Amino acid sequence: MKVILKRHSDKDKFSFTFVEGDRTLLKSQLYASKRNAMTGINAVMKNASLDRRYSLKEAKDGRWYFNLKASNGKIVGTSPMFKTKKEAQDAINLLKEKAYSASIEYVEE
C-alpha cells in the first residue's frame, strides 16, 4: 500500500490518496499546506486499524462508501463509491491491515 501525496499547483493545495495497486481506497480533502496534509496522513495511519473510526454508508443510488474519522471526530478521508457493500468492506479491511505501514510518494500536478 502507498500514499500518494499530491501538490495541486493550480490551487497551491495538497491532498493524499491511499492506494493498493491501482485501486483507490481513501481520498482526503484539500489541505492548505504539505504539513497539514502529512498530519492527515498520520491520522489515517493511526486510526485505520480501529473499527470505531469507520462510518460505512449506502448512497441514494445504492452504491457504498465510507468515511474514516480521526480521534477528534473529524473526517480525514472518504472512499470512492463501490458497487457493493462487500467491496467497501474489503477496502476497509485493506486499510485496517496495511495503512499504518504505507509508503509515501510525493507528486506535483
Protein backbone atom coordinates (compact mmCIF):
# COMPACT_ATOMS: atom_id res chain seq x y z
CA MET A 1 0.00 0.00 0.00
CA LYS A 2 1.14 3.51 -0.69
CA VAL A 3 0.02 7.04 -0.09
CA ILE A 4 0.20 9.49 -2.95
CA LEU A 5 0.74 12.98 -1.53
CA LYS A 6 -0.09 15.42 -4.29
CA ARG A 7 0.60 19.12 -4.66
CA HIS A 8 -2.04 20.79 -6.82
CA SER A 9 -0.09 23.58 -8.49
CA ASP A 10 -3.16 25.42 -9.80
CA LYS A 11 -4.52 25.81 -6.27
CA ASP A 12 -1.28 25.53 -4.28
CA LYS A 13 -3.05 22.95 -2.12
CA PHE A 14 -2.24 19.38 -1.11
CA SER A 15 -4.22 16.15 -0.92
CA PHE A 16 -3.47 12.48 -0.39
CA THR A 17 -4.81 9.17 -1.63
CA PHE A 18 -4.27 5.73 -0.12
CA VAL A 19 -3.95 3.13 -2.88
CA GLU A 20 -3.37 -0.61 -3.12
CA GLY A 21 -2.04 -1.46 -6.56
CA ASP A 22 -4.21 0.54 -8.96
CA ARG A 23 -7.15 0.61 -6.55
CA THR A 24 -8.02 3.82 -4.69
CA LEU A 25 -9.15 3.13 -1.13
CA LEU A 26 -9.33 6.55 0.52
CA LYS A 27 -9.02 10.20 -0.53
CA SER A 28 -8.52 13.31 1.54
CA GLN A 29 -9.84 16.81 1.38
CA LEU A 30 -7.60 19.62 0.12
CA TYR A 31 -5.12 20.97 2.65
CA ALA A 32 -3.57 24.44 2.72
CA SER A 33 -0.06 23.10 3.38
CA LYS A 34 2.05 20.00 2.96
CA ARG A 35 2.48 19.87 6.72
CA ASN A 36 -1.29 19.74 7.27
CA ALA A 37 -1.64 17.00 4.65
CA MET A 38 1.07 15.00 6.44
CA THR A 39 -0.86 15.40 9.68
CA GLY A 40 -3.89 13.95 7.86
CA ILE A 41 -1.83 11.02 6.55
CA ASN A 42 -0.59 10.31 10.06
CA ALA A 43 -4.16 10.42 11.37
CA VAL A 44 -5.21 7.83 8.78
CA MET A 45 -2.26 5.61 9.66
CA LYS A 46 -3.06 5.89 13.37
CA ASN A 47 -6.84 5.37 13.13
CA ALA A 48 -7.24 2.98 10.18
CA SER A 49 -6.94 -0.13 12.35
CA LEU A 50 -9.84 0.89 14.61
CA ASP A 51 -13.35 -0.30 13.65
CA ARG A 52 -15.00 2.56 15.52
CA ARG A 53 -13.35 5.15 13.24
CA TYR A 54 -15.23 3.95 10.14
CA SER A 55 -18.66 5.01 9.01
CA LEU A 56 -19.95 2.75 6.22
CA LYS A 57 -22.87 4.25 4.28
CA GLU A 58 -25.16 3.48 1.39
CA ALA A 59 -25.65 6.28 -1.14
CA LYS A 60 -29.05 7.08 -2.62
CA ASP A 61 -28.09 5.27 -5.84
CA GLY A 62 -27.35 2.02 -3.97
CA ARG A 63 -23.57 2.29 -4.09
CA TRP A 64 -21.48 2.12 -0.91
CA TYR A 65 -18.75 4.32 0.58
CA PHE A 66 -17.15 5.03 3.93
CA ASN A 67 -15.56 7.83 5.89
CA LEU A 68 -12.62 7.44 8.23
CA LYS A 69 -12.57 9.74 11.24
CA ALA A 70 -9.68 10.84 13.43
CA SER A 71 -9.82 10.62 17.21
CA ASN A 72 -11.26 14.16 17.29
CA GLY A 73 -14.25 13.02 15.21
CA LYS A 74 -13.25 14.87 12.04
CA ILE A 75 -13.31 13.04 8.72
CA VAL A 76 -9.76 12.51 7.43
CA GLY A 77 -10.68 10.52 4.36
CA THR A 78 -13.54 9.32 2.18
CA SER A 79 -13.57 6.28 -0.03
CA PRO A 80 -14.65 6.24 -3.65
CA MET A 81 -18.06 4.74 -4.41
CA PHE A 82 -18.23 0.94 -4.52
CA LYS A 83 -20.87 -1.15 -6.29
CA THR A 84 -21.45 -3.39 -3.28
CA LYS A 85 -21.21 -3.26 0.48
CA LYS A 86 -18.72 -6.15 0.32
CA GLU A 87 -16.36 -4.15 -1.93
CA ALA A 88 -16.47 -1.24 0.52
CA GLN A 89 -15.87 -3.58 3.46
CA ASP A 90 -12.95 -5.19 1.60
CA ALA A 91 -11.41 -1.73 1.15
CA ILE A 92 -11.83 -1.04 4.88
CA ASN A 93 -10.15 -4.35 5.68
CA LEU A 94 -7.18 -3.49 3.46
CA LEU A 95 -6.78 -0.13 5.16
CA LYS A 96 -7.04 -1.73 8.59
CA GLU A 97 -4.32 -4.21 7.67
CA LYS A 98 -1.88 -2.05 5.70
CA ALA A 99 -2.38 1.70 6.18
CA TYR A 100 -0.02 2.01 9.16
CA SER A 101 2.95 0.88 7.07
CA ALA A 102 2.12 2.56 3.75
CA SER A 103 4.95 4.22 1.88
CA ILE A 104 4.53 7.86 0.85
CA GLU A 105 5.08 9.03 -2.71
CA TYR A 106 5.15 12.77 -3.42
CA VAL A 107 3.93 14.08 -6.77
CA GLU A 108 3.34 17.53 -8.19
CA GLU A 109 0.45 18.13 -10.55
